[in-house]
């Protein structure tokens, strides 16, 4: 459960406005 986590994390990060802070 590491590769899936990485992909999910990347997808979530893209969806989440982290660069707006």
PDB file of N, CA and C in Angstrom:
ATOM      1  N   UNK A   1       0.861  -1.215   0.000  1.00  0.00           N
ATOM      2  CA  UNK A   1       0.000   0.000   0.000  1.00  0.00           C
ATOM      3  C   UNK A   1       0.890   1.257   0.000  1.00  0.00           C
ATOM      4  N   UNK A   2       1.764   1.357  -0.985  1.00  0.00           N
ATOM      5  CA  UNK A   2       2.650   2.537  -1.033  1.00  0.00           C
ATOM      6  C   UNK A   2       2.502   3.225  -2.379  1.00  0.00           C
ATOM      7  N   UNK A   3       2.534   2.463  -3.440  1.00  0.00           N
ATOM      8  CA  UNK A   3       2.413   3.068  -4.791  1.00  0.00           C
ATOM      9  C   UNK A   3       1.026   3.714  -4.918  1.00  0.00           C
ATOM     10  N   UNK A   4       0.012   2.994  -4.514  1.00  0.00           N
ATOM     11  CA  UNK A   4      -1.353   3.533  -4.600  1.00  0.00           C
ATOM     12  C   UNK A   4      -1.466   4.802  -3.764  1.00  0.00           C
ATOM     13  N   UNK A   5      -0.850   4.769  -2.609  1.00  0.00           N
ATOM     14  CA  UNK A   5      -0.901   5.951  -1.720  1.00  0.00           C
ATOM     15  C   UNK A   5      -0.226   7.137  -2.396  1.00  0.00           C
ATOM     16  N   UNK A   6       0.869   6.863  -3.057  1.00  0.00           N
ATOM     17  CA  UNK A   6       1.617   7.939  -3.724  1.00  0.00           C
ATOM     18  C   UNK A   6       0.763   8.547  -4.836  1.00  0.00           C
ATOM     19  N   UNK A   7       0.165   7.711  -5.637  1.00  0.00           N
ATOM     20  CA  UNK A   7      -0.673   8.199  -6.752  1.00  0.00           C
ATOM     21  C   UNK A   7      -1.864   8.978  -6.194  1.00  0.00           C
ATOM     22  N   UNK A   8      -2.488   8.426  -5.175  1.00  0.00           N
ATOM     23  CA  UNK A   8      -3.662   9.096  -4.593  1.00  0.00           C
ATOM     24  C   UNK A   8      -3.242  10.433  -3.997  1.00  0.00           C
ATOM     25  N   UNK A   9      -2.117  10.438  -3.336  1.00  0.00           N
ATOM     26  CA  UNK A   9      -1.620  11.674  -2.726  1.00  0.00           C
ATOM     27  C   UNK A   9      -1.366  12.725  -3.798  1.00  0.00           C
ATOM     28  N   UNK A  10      -0.752  12.312  -4.892  1.00  0.00           N
ATOM     29  CA  UNK A  10      -0.450  13.252  -5.979  1.00  0.00           C
ATOM     30  C   UNK A  10      -1.746  13.802  -6.561  1.00  0.00           C
ATOM     31  N   UNK A  11      -2.707  12.932  -6.767  1.00  0.00           N
ATOM     32  CA  UNK A  11      -3.992  13.375  -7.349  1.00  0.00           C
ATOM     33  C   UNK A  11      -4.697  14.324  -6.377  1.00  0.00           C
ATOM     34  N   UNK A  12      -4.670  13.986  -5.100  1.00  0.00           N
ATOM     35  CA  UNK A  12      -5.341  14.829  -4.105  1.00  0.00           C
ATOM     36  C   UNK A  12      -4.641  16.186  -3.999  1.00  0.00           C
ATOM     37  N   UNK A  13      -3.326  16.143  -4.023  1.00  0.00           N
ATOM     38  CA  UNK A  13      -2.561  17.401  -3.918  1.00  0.00           C
ATOM     39  C   UNK A  13      -2.908  18.306  -5.093  1.00  0.00           C
ATOM     40  N   UNK A  14      -3.082  17.720  -6.260  1.00  0.00           N
ATOM     41  CA  UNK A  14      -3.397  18.518  -7.461  1.00  0.00           C
ATOM     42  C   UNK A  14      -4.783  19.148  -7.294  1.00  0.00           C
ATOM     43  N   UNK A  15      -5.688  18.389  -6.719  1.00  0.00           N
ATOM     44  CA  UNK A  15      -7.060  18.902  -6.545  1.00  0.00           C
ATOM     45  C   UNK A  15      -7.120  19.951  -5.439  1.00  0.00           C
ATOM     46  N   UNK A  16      -6.280  19.754  -4.444  1.00  0.00           N
ATOM     47  CA  UNK A  16      -6.294  20.680  -3.293  1.00  0.00           C
ATOM     48  C   UNK A  16      -5.514  21.960  -3.626  1.00  0.00           C
ATOM     49  N   UNK A  17      -6.043  23.102  -3.281  1.00  0.00           N
ATOM     50  CA  UNK A  17      -5.352  24.385  -3.540  1.00  0.00           C
ATOM     51  C   UNK A  17      -4.227  24.611  -2.544  1.00  0.00           C
ATOM     52  N   UNK A  18      -3.073  24.004  -2.822  1.00  0.00           N
ATOM     53  CA  UNK A  18      -1.949  24.162  -1.882  1.00  0.00           C
ATOM     54  C   UNK A  18      -1.083  25.362  -2.262  1.00  0.00           C
ATOM     55  N   UNK A  19      -1.203  25.781  -3.501  1.00  0.00           N
ATOM     56  CA  UNK A  19      -0.365  26.890  -3.969  1.00  0.00           C
ATOM     57  C   UNK A  19      -1.055  28.235  -3.715  1.00  0.00           C
ATOM     58  N   UNK A  20      -2.238  28.173  -3.171  1.00  0.00           N
ATOM     59  CA  UNK A  20      -2.996  29.425  -2.947  1.00  0.00           C
ATOM     60  C   UNK A  20      -2.613  30.038  -1.604  1.00  0.00           C
ATOM     61  N   UNK A  21      -2.076  29.183  -0.727  1.00  0.00           N
ATOM     62  CA  UNK A  21      -1.715  29.687   0.620  1.00  0.00           C
ATOM     63  C   UNK A  21      -0.830  30.899   0.500  1.00  0.00           C
TER      64      UNK A  21
END
